[in-house]
């Protein structure tokens, strides 16, 4: 069952529909970063109500920014989150924190430790979704860090091995997704950036996903986002995962790994990165159109989703917006050319415009 059509806008002008979306994160307004600093300052009178107001204002602003760019399915840019593992670990019973760890460059995160059996205590993202869904006119996607990455990027002091911790966390993710579905969420993305860096564990991720999707209704679109690593070490095995869409980083590598997905038929939806989130240069519409055509070498239009490579939070905000805006323009122009029969599409062969 395809869930794609429920996200086609009612006023969509083209017969073809290339679903456009974002991976999740977006640059935070400078005033929102300053608000966090004030809230965390013991000497400041900036209180919890002030901080909640800042999060609401930032989420509303960035959601509207996504819509202004024309993105079909939006997020709030993860304005309420500080980091993709730390944020969730703070909300899971069994985790503790020992201090900040340098991950790369000048970036740090508070790497958590599992010091007791993990348990689901409080909702993680339901209030975030409900707020964003209320302020958005477009459908809302919910990105959620997957159990394998949560386990891999934590210290494990309790479970026999990382596999057992992953499965325990998968059961908690399932509880959260059920709560999100009850709240009305219909597009949920599991983020597993650790997968392609440790590809021998793809069977563990598959079993974790089976636990995650248990009792999730068929009309809920479930995607898996993977970035970094060597995709040839996880493909085509990942096609057996119980998700409908794979969101993959490819633009940053100049599409060198695109051929990986041509030897075996890509039977799921292909959410392909068409703009590079690691460069502060806004790609032109024409450049992005050429990137989209690369996706049509792998899947037909009805299976292609257009998105950035990854979250764009480290870019200047005006650059992030420019990339989204041009991405949407490029997708709409490709749809028009498909409608006019100006692009020949043969999945697994070259997609090119007719002379």
C-alpha atoms as a PDB file:
ATOM      1  CA  UNK A   1       0.000   0.000   0.000  1.00  0.00           C
ATOM      2  CA  UNK A   2       1.399   3.385  -1.035  1.00  0.00           C
ATOM      3  CA  UNK A   3       0.842   6.241   1.393  1.00  0.00           C
ATOM      4  CA  UNK A   4       2.250   8.948  -0.890  1.00  0.00           C
ATOM      5  CA  UNK A   5      -0.948  10.390  -2.383  1.00  0.00           C
ATOM      6  CA  UNK A   6      -2.295  11.620   0.959  1.00  0.00           C
ATOM      7  CA  UNK A   7       0.507  14.208   0.933  1.00  0.00           C
ATOM      8  CA  UNK A   8      -0.273  15.607  -2.529  1.00  0.00           C
ATOM      9  CA  UNK A   9      -1.504  19.200  -2.045  1.00  0.00           C
ATOM     10  CA  UNK A  10      -5.099  19.782  -3.154  1.00  0.00           C
ATOM     11  CA  UNK A  11      -3.989  22.631  -5.404  1.00  0.00           C
ATOM     12  CA  UNK A  12      -1.103  20.673  -6.976  1.00  0.00           C
ATOM     13  CA  UNK A  13      -1.104  21.748 -10.630  1.00  0.00           C
ATOM     14  CA  UNK A  14       0.848  18.915 -12.270  1.00  0.00           C
ATOM     15  CA  UNK A  15      -0.246  15.347 -13.013  1.00  0.00           C
ATOM     16  CA  UNK A  16       3.093  14.024 -11.782  1.00  0.00           C
ATOM     17  CA  UNK A  17       3.878  14.481  -8.113  1.00  0.00           C
ATOM     18  CA  UNK A  18       7.412  14.442  -6.749  1.00  0.00           C
ATOM     19  CA  UNK A  19       6.941  14.598  -2.987  1.00  0.00           C
ATOM     20  CA  UNK A  20       9.194  17.280  -1.486  1.00  0.00           C
ATOM     21  CA  UNK A  21      10.188  17.243   2.160  1.00  0.00           C
ATOM     22  CA  UNK A  22      13.067  17.914   4.548  1.00  0.00           C
ATOM     23  CA  UNK A  23      15.095  15.564   6.702  1.00  0.00           C
ATOM     24  CA  UNK A  24      14.449  17.409   9.939  1.00  0.00           C
ATOM     25  CA  UNK A  25      16.785  19.976  11.482  1.00  0.00           C
ATOM     26  CA  UNK A  26      17.021  23.636  10.446  1.00  0.00           C
ATOM     27  CA  UNK A  27      19.173  26.568  11.628  1.00  0.00           C
ATOM     28  CA  UNK A  28      17.853  28.029  14.861  1.00  0.00           C
ATOM     29  CA  UNK A  29      17.196  31.784  14.970  1.00  0.00           C
ATOM     30  CA  UNK A  30      19.961  33.577  16.847  1.00  0.00           C
ATOM     31  CA  UNK A  31      17.492  34.891  19.414  1.00  0.00           C
ATOM     32  CA  UNK A  32      16.394  31.323  20.164  1.00  0.00           C
ATOM     33  CA  UNK A  33      19.983  30.254  20.840  1.00  0.00           C
ATOM     34  CA  UNK A  34      20.330  33.291  23.110  1.00  0.00           C
ATOM     35  CA  UNK A  35      17.124  32.323  24.909  1.00  0.00           C
ATOM     36  CA  UNK A  36      18.571  28.882  25.648  1.00  0.00           C
ATOM     37  CA  UNK A  37      21.712  30.476  27.053  1.00  0.00           C
ATOM     38  CA  UNK A  38      19.636  32.690  29.325  1.00  0.00           C
ATOM     39  CA  UNK A  39      17.458  29.803  30.465  1.00  0.00           C
ATOM     40  CA  UNK A  40      20.529  27.743  31.363  1.00  0.00           C
ATOM     41  CA  UNK A  41      22.128  30.665  33.213  1.00  0.00           C
ATOM     42  CA  UNK A  42      21.455  30.315  36.940  1.00  0.00           C
ATOM     43  CA  UNK A  43      21.923  34.053  37.388  1.00  0.00           C
ATOM     44  CA  UNK A  44      19.281  34.944  34.799  1.00  0.00           C
ATOM     45  CA  UNK A  45      15.611  35.594  35.558  1.00  0.00           C
ATOM     46  CA  UNK A  46      14.676  34.045  32.197  1.00  0.00           C
ATOM     47  CA  UNK A  47      12.325  31.350  33.480  1.00  0.00           C
ATOM     48  CA  UNK A  48      10.619  28.206  32.155  1.00  0.00           C
ATOM     49  CA  UNK A  49       7.632  30.133  30.801  1.00  0.00           C
ATOM     50  CA  UNK A  50       9.987  32.402  28.841  1.00  0.00           C
ATOM     51  CA  UNK A  51      11.846  29.396  27.451  1.00  0.00           C
ATOM     52  CA  UNK A  52       8.616  27.648  26.428  1.00  0.00           C
ATOM     53  CA  UNK A  53       7.507  30.812  24.647  1.00  0.00           C
ATOM     54  CA  UNK A  54      10.811  30.967  22.764  1.00  0.00           C
ATOM     55  CA  UNK A  55      10.458  27.348  21.626  1.00  0.00           C
ATOM     56  CA  UNK A  56       6.891  27.933  20.473  1.00  0.00           C
ATOM     57  CA  UNK A  57       7.823  31.106  18.602  1.00  0.00           C
ATOM     58  CA  UNK A  58      10.813  29.452  16.906  1.00  0.00           C
ATOM     59  CA  UNK A  59       8.795  26.364  15.942  1.00  0.00           C
ATOM     60  CA  UNK A  60       6.019  28.509  14.473  1.00  0.00           C
ATOM     61  CA  UNK A  61       8.480  30.679  12.544  1.00  0.00           C
ATOM     62  CA  UNK A  62      10.445  27.803  11.004  1.00  0.00           C
ATOM     63  CA  UNK A  63       7.348  25.780  10.157  1.00  0.00           C
ATOM     64  CA  UNK A  64       6.035  28.797   8.258  1.00  0.00           C
ATOM     65  CA  UNK A  65       9.440  29.194   6.597  1.00  0.00           C
ATOM     66  CA  UNK A  66       9.218  25.625   5.274  1.00  0.00           C
ATOM     67  CA  UNK A  67       5.745  26.333   3.938  1.00  0.00           C
ATOM     68  CA  UNK A  68       6.823  29.594   2.328  1.00  0.00           C
ATOM     69  CA  UNK A  69       9.505  27.650   0.441  1.00  0.00           C
ATOM     70  CA  UNK A  70       6.726  25.392  -0.871  1.00  0.00           C
ATOM     71  CA  UNK A  71       7.790  22.139   0.807  1.00  0.00           C
ATOM     72  CA  UNK A  72       4.981  19.555   0.658  1.00  0.00           C
ATOM     73  CA  UNK A  73       5.672  17.915   4.044  1.00  0.00           C
ATOM     74  CA  UNK A  74       7.258  20.078   6.727  1.00  0.00           C
ATOM     75  CA  UNK A  75       8.865  19.895  10.167  1.00  0.00           C
ATOM     76  CA  UNK A  76       9.416  22.562  12.809  1.00  0.00           C
ATOM     77  CA  UNK A  77      13.164  22.346  12.136  1.00  0.00           C
ATOM     78  CA  UNK A  78      13.596  20.558  15.481  1.00  0.00           C
ATOM     79  CA  UNK A  79      13.516  23.870  17.327  1.00  0.00           C
ATOM     80  CA  UNK A  80      12.829  22.115  20.644  1.00  0.00           C
ATOM     81  CA  UNK A  81      15.720  19.654  20.323  1.00  0.00           C
ATOM     82  CA  UNK A  82      19.368  20.218  21.117  1.00  0.00           C
ATOM     83  CA  UNK A  83      20.920  16.999  19.712  1.00  0.00           C
ATOM     84  CA  UNK A  84      19.581  13.826  18.138  1.00  0.00           C
ATOM     85  CA  UNK A  85      20.674  11.382  20.888  1.00  0.00           C
ATOM     86  CA  UNK A  86      20.967  13.584  23.956  1.00  0.00           C
ATOM     87  CA  UNK A  87      17.436  14.952  23.537  1.00  0.00           C
ATOM     88  CA  UNK A  88      15.864  11.498  23.701  1.00  0.00           C
ATOM     89  CA  UNK A  89      18.177  10.124  26.387  1.00  0.00           C
ATOM     90  CA  UNK A  90      17.019  12.875  28.740  1.00  0.00           C
ATOM     91  CA  UNK A  91      13.480  11.522  28.339  1.00  0.00           C
ATOM     92  CA  UNK A  92      14.198   7.800  28.755  1.00  0.00           C
ATOM     93  CA  UNK A  93      14.415   6.242  32.197  1.00  0.00           C
ATOM     94  CA  UNK A  94      17.690   4.336  32.578  1.00  0.00           C
ATOM     95  CA  UNK A  95      19.978   6.950  31.048  1.00  0.00           C
ATOM     96  CA  UNK A  96      22.462   9.152  32.885  1.00  0.00           C
ATOM     97  CA  UNK A  97      25.005  11.758  31.751  1.00  0.00           C
ATOM     98  CA  UNK A  98      28.693  12.101  32.558  1.00  0.00           C
ATOM     99  CA  UNK A  99      29.757  15.151  30.578  1.00  0.00           C
ATOM    100  CA  UNK A 100      30.325  16.469  27.096  1.00  0.00           C
ATOM    101  CA  UNK A 101      32.204  14.501  24.420  1.00  0.00           C
ATOM    102  CA  UNK A 102      33.864  16.041  21.346  1.00  0.00           C
ATOM    103  CA  UNK A 103      32.457  14.429  18.206  1.00  0.00           C
ATOM    104  CA  UNK A 104      34.033  16.423  15.359  1.00  0.00           C
ATOM    105  CA  UNK A 105      35.419  19.872  14.708  1.00  0.00           C
ATOM    106  CA  UNK A 106      34.216  22.173  17.477  1.00  0.00           C
ATOM    107  CA  UNK A 107      31.027  20.183  18.064  1.00  0.00           C
ATOM    108  CA  UNK A 108      30.282  18.440  21.339  1.00  0.00           C
ATOM    109  CA  UNK A 109      27.409  16.459  22.732  1.00  0.00           C
ATOM    110  CA  UNK A 110      26.542  15.142  26.159  1.00  0.00           C
ATOM    111  CA  UNK A 111      27.090  11.423  25.483  1.00  0.00           C
ATOM    112  CA  UNK A 112      24.716   9.453  27.691  1.00  0.00           C
ATOM    113  CA  UNK A 113      25.273   6.214  29.592  1.00  0.00           C
ATOM    114  CA  UNK A 114      22.718   3.451  30.073  1.00  0.00           C
ATOM    115  CA  UNK A 115      22.954   2.768  33.811  1.00  0.00           C
ATOM    116  CA  UNK A 116      19.695   0.858  34.317  1.00  0.00           C
ATOM    117  CA  UNK A 117      17.117  -0.948  32.184  1.00  0.00           C
ATOM    118  CA  UNK A 118      15.536   1.558  29.810  1.00  0.00           C
ATOM    119  CA  UNK A 119      11.858   2.350  30.264  1.00  0.00           C
ATOM    120  CA  UNK A 120       9.306   4.583  28.564  1.00  0.00           C
ATOM    121  CA  UNK A 121       8.321   7.265  31.050  1.00  0.00           C
ATOM    122  CA  UNK A 122       7.213  10.487  29.341  1.00  0.00           C
ATOM    123  CA  UNK A 123       6.220  11.282  25.757  1.00  0.00           C
ATOM    124  CA  UNK A 124       9.112  12.435  23.604  1.00  0.00           C
ATOM    125  CA  UNK A 125       7.613  14.198  20.595  1.00  0.00           C
ATOM    126  CA  UNK A 126       3.818  14.203  20.876  1.00  0.00           C
ATOM    127  CA  UNK A 127       3.536  17.791  22.114  1.00  0.00           C
ATOM    128  CA  UNK A 128       6.055  18.904  19.481  1.00  0.00           C
ATOM    129  CA  UNK A 129       3.953  17.265  16.754  1.00  0.00           C
ATOM    130  CA  UNK A 130       0.651  18.600  18.070  1.00  0.00           C
ATOM    131  CA  UNK A 131       1.943  22.179  18.175  1.00  0.00           C
ATOM    132  CA  UNK A 132       3.483  21.992  14.700  1.00  0.00           C
ATOM    133  CA  UNK A 133       0.411  20.299  13.271  1.00  0.00           C
ATOM    134  CA  UNK A 134      -1.773  23.070  14.684  1.00  0.00           C
ATOM    135  CA  UNK A 135       0.268  25.899  13.163  1.00  0.00           C
ATOM    136  CA  UNK A 136       1.012  24.209   9.811  1.00  0.00           C
ATOM    137  CA  UNK A 137      -1.223  24.150   6.763  1.00  0.00           C
ATOM    138  CA  UNK A 138       0.961  21.456   5.158  1.00  0.00           C
ATOM    139  CA  UNK A 139       1.286  17.870   6.471  1.00  0.00           C
ATOM    140  CA  UNK A 140       3.919  17.399   9.174  1.00  0.00           C
ATOM    141  CA  UNK A 141       6.670  14.786   9.298  1.00  0.00           C
ATOM    142  CA  UNK A 142       8.106  13.594  12.609  1.00  0.00           C
ATOM    143  CA  UNK A 143      11.808  12.612  12.614  1.00  0.00           C
ATOM    144  CA  UNK A 144      12.794  10.346  15.504  1.00  0.00           C
ATOM    145  CA  UNK A 145      16.245   8.947  16.287  1.00  0.00           C
ATOM    146  CA  UNK A 146      16.249   5.193  15.814  1.00  0.00           C
ATOM    147  CA  UNK A 147      17.143   2.635  18.481  1.00  0.00           C
ATOM    148  CA  UNK A 148      20.328   1.447  16.808  1.00  0.00           C
ATOM    149  CA  UNK A 149      21.821   4.945  16.748  1.00  0.00           C
ATOM    150  CA  UNK A 150      20.575   5.622  20.284  1.00  0.00           C
ATOM    151  CA  UNK A 151      22.377   2.456  21.408  1.00  0.00           C
ATOM    152  CA  UNK A 152      25.533   2.936  19.313  1.00  0.00           C
ATOM    153  CA  UNK A 153      26.091   6.509  20.435  1.00  0.00           C
ATOM    154  CA  UNK A 154      25.667   5.738  24.141  1.00  0.00           C
ATOM    155  CA  UNK A 155      27.775   3.981  26.754  1.00  0.00           C
ATOM    156  CA  UNK A 156      26.156   0.633  27.662  1.00  0.00           C
ATOM    157  CA  UNK A 157      26.686  -0.342  31.295  1.00  0.00           C
ATOM    158  CA  UNK A 158      23.697  -2.668  31.718  1.00  0.00           C
ATOM    159  CA  UNK A 159      22.829  -4.847  28.724  1.00  0.00           C
ATOM    160  CA  UNK A 160      24.845  -7.854  27.572  1.00  0.00           C
ATOM    161  CA  UNK A 161      25.613  -6.199  24.253  1.00  0.00           C
ATOM    162  CA  UNK A 162      24.553  -3.385  21.961  1.00  0.00           C
ATOM    163  CA  UNK A 163      22.082  -5.656  20.162  1.00  0.00           C
ATOM    164  CA  UNK A 164      20.033  -6.268  23.310  1.00  0.00           C
ATOM    165  CA  UNK A 165      20.067  -2.551  24.133  1.00  0.00           C
ATOM    166  CA  UNK A 166      18.907  -1.771  20.590  1.00  0.00           C
ATOM    167  CA  UNK A 167      15.920  -4.112  20.920  1.00  0.00           C
ATOM    168  CA  UNK A 168      14.965  -2.675  24.309  1.00  0.00           C
ATOM    169  CA  UNK A 169      15.056   0.830  22.846  1.00  0.00           C
ATOM    170  CA  UNK A 170      13.088  -0.305  19.778  1.00  0.00           C
ATOM    171  CA  UNK A 171      10.212  -1.294  22.047  1.00  0.00           C
ATOM    172  CA  UNK A 172      10.228   2.228  23.498  1.00  0.00           C
ATOM    173  CA  UNK A 173      10.303   3.814  20.041  1.00  0.00           C
ATOM    174  CA  UNK A 174       7.271   1.683  19.179  1.00  0.00           C
ATOM    175  CA  UNK A 175       5.423   3.107  22.188  1.00  0.00           C
ATOM    176  CA  UNK A 176       6.266   6.653  21.140  1.00  0.00           C
ATOM    177  CA  UNK A 177       5.188   6.052  17.531  1.00  0.00           C
ATOM    178  CA  UNK A 178       1.875   4.609  18.722  1.00  0.00           C
ATOM    179  CA  UNK A 179       1.350   7.788  20.787  1.00  0.00           C
ATOM    180  CA  UNK A 180       2.249   9.946  17.765  1.00  0.00           C
ATOM    181  CA  UNK A 181      -0.179   8.030  15.553  1.00  0.00           C
ATOM    182  CA  UNK A 182      -2.919   8.470  18.141  1.00  0.00           C
ATOM    183  CA  UNK A 183      -2.179  12.208  18.026  1.00  0.00           C
ATOM    184  CA  UNK A 184      -2.631  12.207  14.242  1.00  0.00           C
ATOM    185  CA  UNK A 185       0.891  11.769  12.847  1.00  0.00           C
ATOM    186  CA  UNK A 186       0.942  10.067   9.442  1.00  0.00           C
ATOM    187  CA  UNK A 187       4.576  10.527   8.321  1.00  0.00           C
ATOM    188  CA  UNK A 188       7.326   9.310  10.631  1.00  0.00           C
ATOM    189  CA  UNK A 189      11.022   9.092   9.788  1.00  0.00           C
ATOM    190  CA  UNK A 190      13.409   6.849  11.714  1.00  0.00           C
ATOM    191  CA  UNK A 191      16.919   8.361  11.725  1.00  0.00           C
ATOM    192  CA  UNK A 192      19.703   5.762  11.742  1.00  0.00           C
ATOM    193  CA  UNK A 193      22.949   7.518  10.737  1.00  0.00           C
ATOM    194  CA  UNK A 194      24.956   4.836  12.566  1.00  0.00           C
ATOM    195  CA  UNK A 195      23.723   2.096  10.199  1.00  0.00           C
ATOM    196  CA  UNK A 196      25.976   2.680   7.196  1.00  0.00           C
ATOM    197  CA  UNK A 197      29.031   3.102   9.417  1.00  0.00           C
ATOM    198  CA  UNK A 198      28.598  -0.378  10.939  1.00  0.00           C
ATOM    199  CA  UNK A 199      26.951  -2.269   8.072  1.00  0.00           C
ATOM    200  CA  UNK A 200      27.456  -5.748   9.516  1.00  0.00           C
ATOM    201  CA  UNK A 201      24.648  -4.919  11.916  1.00  0.00           C
ATOM    202  CA  UNK A 202      21.963  -4.388   9.262  1.00  0.00           C
ATOM    203  CA  UNK A 203      20.134  -7.510  10.505  1.00  0.00           C
ATOM    204  CA  UNK A 204      19.956  -5.981  13.988  1.00  0.00           C
ATOM    205  CA  UNK A 205      18.418  -2.820  12.552  1.00  0.00           C
ATOM    206  CA  UNK A 206      15.948  -4.938  10.581  1.00  0.00           C
ATOM    207  CA  UNK A 207      14.782  -6.749  13.719  1.00  0.00           C
ATOM    208  CA  UNK A 208      14.566  -3.437  15.595  1.00  0.00           C
ATOM    209  CA  UNK A 209      12.377  -1.993  12.838  1.00  0.00           C
ATOM    210  CA  UNK A 210      10.078  -5.026  13.001  1.00  0.00           C
ATOM    211  CA  UNK A 211       9.540  -4.215  16.661  1.00  0.00           C
ATOM    212  CA  UNK A 212       9.033  -0.519  15.906  1.00  0.00           C
ATOM    213  CA  UNK A 213       6.321  -1.043  13.278  1.00  0.00           C
ATOM    214  CA  UNK A 214       4.296  -3.530  15.314  1.00  0.00           C
ATOM    215  CA  UNK A 215       0.618  -2.442  15.235  1.00  0.00           C
ATOM    216  CA  UNK A 216       1.369   0.758  13.260  1.00  0.00           C
ATOM    217  CA  UNK A 217      -1.548   1.347  10.823  1.00  0.00           C
ATOM    218  CA  UNK A 218      -0.945   0.889   7.102  1.00  0.00           C
ATOM    219  CA  UNK A 219      -1.816   4.500   6.271  1.00  0.00           C
ATOM    220  CA  UNK A 220       1.159   5.774   8.288  1.00  0.00           C
ATOM    221  CA  UNK A 221       4.175   6.502   6.096  1.00  0.00           C
ATOM    222  CA  UNK A 222       7.359   5.169   7.684  1.00  0.00           C
ATOM    223  CA  UNK A 223      10.744   6.221   6.324  1.00  0.00           C
ATOM    224  CA  UNK A 224      14.343   5.443   7.223  1.00  0.00           C
ATOM    225  CA  UNK A 225      17.037   8.108   6.960  1.00  0.00           C
ATOM    226  CA  UNK A 226      20.637   6.947   6.534  1.00  0.00           C
ATOM    227  CA  UNK A 227      23.685   9.115   5.906  1.00  0.00           C
ATOM    228  CA  UNK A 228      27.444   8.552   5.757  1.00  0.00           C
ATOM    229  CA  UNK A 229      29.132   5.239   5.034  1.00  0.00           C
ATOM    230  CA  UNK A 230      29.290   2.753   2.180  1.00  0.00           C
ATOM    231  CA  UNK A 231      25.791   1.929   0.955  1.00  0.00           C
ATOM    232  CA  UNK A 232      27.005  -1.119  -0.981  1.00  0.00           C
ATOM    233  CA  UNK A 233      27.476  -2.854   2.363  1.00  0.00           C
ATOM    234  CA  UNK A 234      23.806  -2.509   3.307  1.00  0.00           C
ATOM    235  CA  UNK A 235      22.055  -2.627  -0.083  1.00  0.00           C
ATOM    236  CA  UNK A 236      19.977  -4.481  -1.246  1.00  0.00           C
ATOM    237  CA  UNK A 237      19.542  -6.108   2.184  1.00  0.00           C
ATOM    238  CA  UNK A 238      17.785  -3.018   3.573  1.00  0.00           C
ATOM    239  CA  UNK A 239      14.948  -3.452   1.060  1.00  0.00           C
ATOM    240  CA  UNK A 240      13.630  -6.146   3.385  1.00  0.00           C
ATOM    241  CA  UNK A 241      13.082  -3.611   6.153  1.00  0.00           C
ATOM    242  CA  UNK A 242       9.404  -2.890   6.987  1.00  0.00           C
ATOM    243  CA  UNK A 243       9.497   0.746   5.850  1.00  0.00           C
ATOM    244  CA  UNK A 244       8.124   2.404   2.735  1.00  0.00           C
ATOM    245  CA  UNK A 245      10.784   5.038   2.064  1.00  0.00           C
ATOM    246  CA  UNK A 246      14.575   5.307   2.270  1.00  0.00           C
ATOM    247  CA  UNK A 247      16.035   8.782   2.677  1.00  0.00           C
ATOM    248  CA  UNK A 248      19.680   8.751   1.589  1.00  0.00           C
ATOM    249  CA  UNK A 249      22.519  11.258   1.458  1.00  0.00           C
ATOM    250  CA  UNK A 250      24.020  11.287  -2.046  1.00  0.00           C
ATOM    251  CA  UNK A 251      24.616  14.873  -3.224  1.00  0.00           C
ATOM    252  CA  UNK A 252      27.605  15.446  -0.943  1.00  0.00           C
ATOM    253  CA  UNK A 253      29.436  12.524  -2.542  1.00  0.00           C
ATOM    254  CA  UNK A 254      28.708  13.686  -6.079  1.00  0.00           C
ATOM    255  CA  UNK A 255      26.372  10.705  -6.574  1.00  0.00           C
ATOM    256  CA  UNK A 256      29.353   8.356  -6.703  1.00  0.00           C
ATOM    257  CA  UNK A 257      27.267   5.715  -4.926  1.00  0.00           C
ATOM    258  CA  UNK A 258      24.200   6.027  -7.150  1.00  0.00           C
ATOM    259  CA  UNK A 259      25.070   2.879  -9.120  1.00  0.00           C
ATOM    260  CA  UNK A 260      24.815   0.852  -5.914  1.00  0.00           C
ATOM    261  CA  UNK A 261      21.034   1.118  -6.198  1.00  0.00           C
ATOM    262  CA  UNK A 262      20.801   0.078  -9.857  1.00  0.00           C
ATOM    263  CA  UNK A 263      22.009  -3.541  -9.762  1.00  0.00           C
ATOM    264  CA  UNK A 264      18.974  -4.673  -7.768  1.00  0.00           C
ATOM    265  CA  UNK A 265      15.570  -3.117  -8.382  1.00  0.00           C
ATOM    266  CA  UNK A 266      14.777  -0.400  -5.859  1.00  0.00           C
ATOM    267  CA  UNK A 267      11.369  -1.650  -4.746  1.00  0.00           C
ATOM    268  CA  UNK A 268      10.633   1.008  -2.124  1.00  0.00           C
ATOM    269  CA  UNK A 269      10.309   4.798  -2.343  1.00  0.00           C
ATOM    270  CA  UNK A 270      13.607   6.607  -2.880  1.00  0.00           C
ATOM    271  CA  UNK A 271      14.003   9.889  -0.968  1.00  0.00           C
ATOM    272  CA  UNK A 272      17.188  11.150  -2.549  1.00  0.00           C
ATOM    273  CA  UNK A 273      19.274  14.049  -1.332  1.00  0.00           C
ATOM    274  CA  UNK A 274      19.412  16.645  -4.114  1.00  0.00           C
ATOM    275  CA  UNK A 275      21.155  19.482  -2.245  1.00  0.00           C
ATOM    276  CA  UNK A 276      24.388  19.273  -0.276  1.00  0.00           C
ATOM    277  CA  UNK A 277      24.027  20.322   3.361  1.00  0.00           C
ATOM    278  CA  UNK A 278      27.796  20.545   3.844  1.00  0.00           C
ATOM    279  CA  UNK A 279      28.330  23.505   1.518  1.00  0.00           C
ATOM    280  CA  UNK A 280      27.067  27.028   2.132  1.00  0.00           C
ATOM    281  CA  UNK A 281      26.441  27.626  -1.576  1.00  0.00           C
ATOM    282  CA  UNK A 282      22.841  27.536  -2.790  1.00  0.00           C
ATOM    283  CA  UNK A 283      22.540  25.226  -5.772  1.00  0.00           C
ATOM    284  CA  UNK A 284      20.764  26.645  -8.817  1.00  0.00           C
ATOM    285  CA  UNK A 285      17.396  25.296  -9.924  1.00  0.00           C
ATOM    286  CA  UNK A 286      19.018  23.842 -13.036  1.00  0.00           C
ATOM    287  CA  UNK A 287      21.677  22.045 -10.997  1.00  0.00           C
ATOM    288  CA  UNK A 288      19.053  20.552  -8.707  1.00  0.00           C
ATOM    289  CA  UNK A 289      16.987  19.451 -11.711  1.00  0.00           C
ATOM    290  CA  UNK A 290      19.957  17.488 -12.986  1.00  0.00           C
ATOM    291  CA  UNK A 291      20.277  15.895  -9.561  1.00  0.00           C
ATOM    292  CA  UNK A 292      16.597  14.929  -9.548  1.00  0.00           C
ATOM    293  CA  UNK A 293      17.049  13.266 -12.941  1.00  0.00           C
ATOM    294  CA  UNK A 294      19.713  11.086 -11.361  1.00  0.00           C
ATOM    295  CA  UNK A 295      17.034   9.791  -9.019  1.00  0.00           C
ATOM    296  CA  UNK A 296      14.912   8.900 -12.041  1.00  0.00           C
ATOM    297  CA  UNK A 297      17.707   6.561 -13.087  1.00  0.00           C
ATOM    298  CA  UNK A 298      16.852   4.459 -10.030  1.00  0.00           C
ATOM    299  CA  UNK A 299      13.076   4.715  -9.633  1.00  0.00           C
ATOM    300  CA  UNK A 300      10.096   6.028 -11.624  1.00  0.00           C
ATOM    301  CA  UNK A 301       8.571   9.375 -10.587  1.00  0.00           C
ATOM    302  CA  UNK A 302       5.868   7.793  -8.428  1.00  0.00           C
ATOM    303  CA  UNK A 303       8.595   6.384  -6.150  1.00  0.00           C
ATOM    304  CA  UNK A 304      10.837   9.454  -5.982  1.00  0.00           C
ATOM    305  CA  UNK A 305      10.892  11.848  -3.033  1.00  0.00           C
ATOM    306  CA  UNK A 306      12.992  15.014  -3.227  1.00  0.00           C
ATOM    307  CA  UNK A 307      14.808  16.215  -0.111  1.00  0.00           C
ATOM    308  CA  UNK A 308      18.112  17.634   1.140  1.00  0.00           C
ATOM    309  CA  UNK A 309      20.933  15.214   1.945  1.00  0.00           C
ATOM    310  CA  UNK A 310      20.441  15.590   5.680  1.00  0.00           C
ATOM    311  CA  UNK A 311      19.391  18.138   8.273  1.00  0.00           C
ATOM    312  CA  UNK A 312      20.488  21.683   7.434  1.00  0.00           C
ATOM    313  CA  UNK A 313      20.995  23.055  10.950  1.00  0.00           C
ATOM    314  CA  UNK A 314      24.689  23.923  10.488  1.00  0.00           C
ATOM    315  CA  UNK A 315      24.070  26.164   7.469  1.00  0.00           C
ATOM    316  CA  UNK A 316      23.387  29.897   7.586  1.00  0.00           C
ATOM    317  CA  UNK A 317      19.631  30.259   7.751  1.00  0.00           C
ATOM    318  CA  UNK A 318      19.320  32.199   4.501  1.00  0.00           C
ATOM    319  CA  UNK A 319      21.325  29.488   2.718  1.00  0.00           C
ATOM    320  CA  UNK A 320      19.143  26.733   4.144  1.00  0.00           C
ATOM    321  CA  UNK A 321      16.039  28.557   2.957  1.00  0.00           C
ATOM    322  CA  UNK A 322      17.523  29.162  -0.508  1.00  0.00           C
ATOM    323  CA  UNK A 323      18.314  25.471  -0.906  1.00  0.00           C
ATOM    324  CA  UNK A 324      14.758  24.489   0.054  1.00  0.00           C
ATOM    325  CA  UNK A 325      13.162  27.090  -2.202  1.00  0.00           C
ATOM    326  CA  UNK A 326      15.233  26.084  -5.236  1.00  0.00           C
ATOM    327  CA  UNK A 327      14.695  22.394  -4.467  1.00  0.00           C
ATOM    328  CA  UNK A 328      10.928  22.854  -4.636  1.00  0.00           C
ATOM    329  CA  UNK A 329      11.122  24.950  -7.819  1.00  0.00           C
ATOM    330  CA  UNK A 330      13.273  22.272  -9.450  1.00  0.00           C
ATOM    331  CA  UNK A 331      10.859  19.500  -8.482  1.00  0.00           C
ATOM    332  CA  UNK A 332       7.874  21.392  -9.900  1.00  0.00           C
ATOM    333  CA  UNK A 333       9.705  22.073 -13.172  1.00  0.00           C
ATOM    334  CA  UNK A 334      10.667  18.403 -13.490  1.00  0.00           C
ATOM    335  CA  UNK A 335       7.001  17.484 -12.956  1.00  0.00           C
ATOM    336  CA  UNK A 336       5.986  19.854 -15.765  1.00  0.00           C
ATOM    337  CA  UNK A 337       8.569  18.307 -18.095  1.00  0.00           C
ATOM    338  CA  UNK A 338       7.361  14.810 -17.177  1.00  0.00           C
ATOM    339  CA  UNK A 339       3.768  15.832 -17.879  1.00  0.00           C
ATOM    340  CA  UNK A 340       4.839  17.197 -21.260  1.00  0.00           C
ATOM    341  CA  UNK A 341       6.708  14.000 -22.131  1.00  0.00           C
ATOM    342  CA  UNK A 342       9.997  15.889 -22.315  1.00  0.00           C
ATOM    343  CA  UNK A 343      11.816  13.453 -20.016  1.00  0.00           C
ATOM    344  CA  UNK A 344      12.222   9.776 -20.815  1.00  0.00           C
ATOM    345  CA  UNK A 345      12.330   7.753 -17.621  1.00  0.00           C
ATOM    346  CA  UNK A 346      13.595   4.201 -17.513  1.00  0.00           C
ATOM    347  CA  UNK A 347      14.500   3.140 -13.978  1.00  0.00           C
ATOM    348  CA  UNK A 348      18.004   1.715 -14.059  1.00  0.00           C
ATOM    349  CA  UNK A 349      18.856   3.646 -17.243  1.00  0.00           C
ATOM    350  CA  UNK A 350      19.621   7.294 -17.915  1.00  0.00           C
ATOM    351  CA  UNK A 351      16.916   9.934 -17.549  1.00  0.00           C
ATOM    352  CA  UNK A 352      17.373  12.763 -20.033  1.00  0.00           C
ATOM    353  CA  UNK A 353      15.392  15.585 -21.580  1.00  0.00           C
ATOM    354  CA  UNK A 354      14.363  15.100 -25.202  1.00  0.00           C
ATOM    355  CA  UNK A 355      15.792  17.512 -27.718  1.00  0.00           C
END
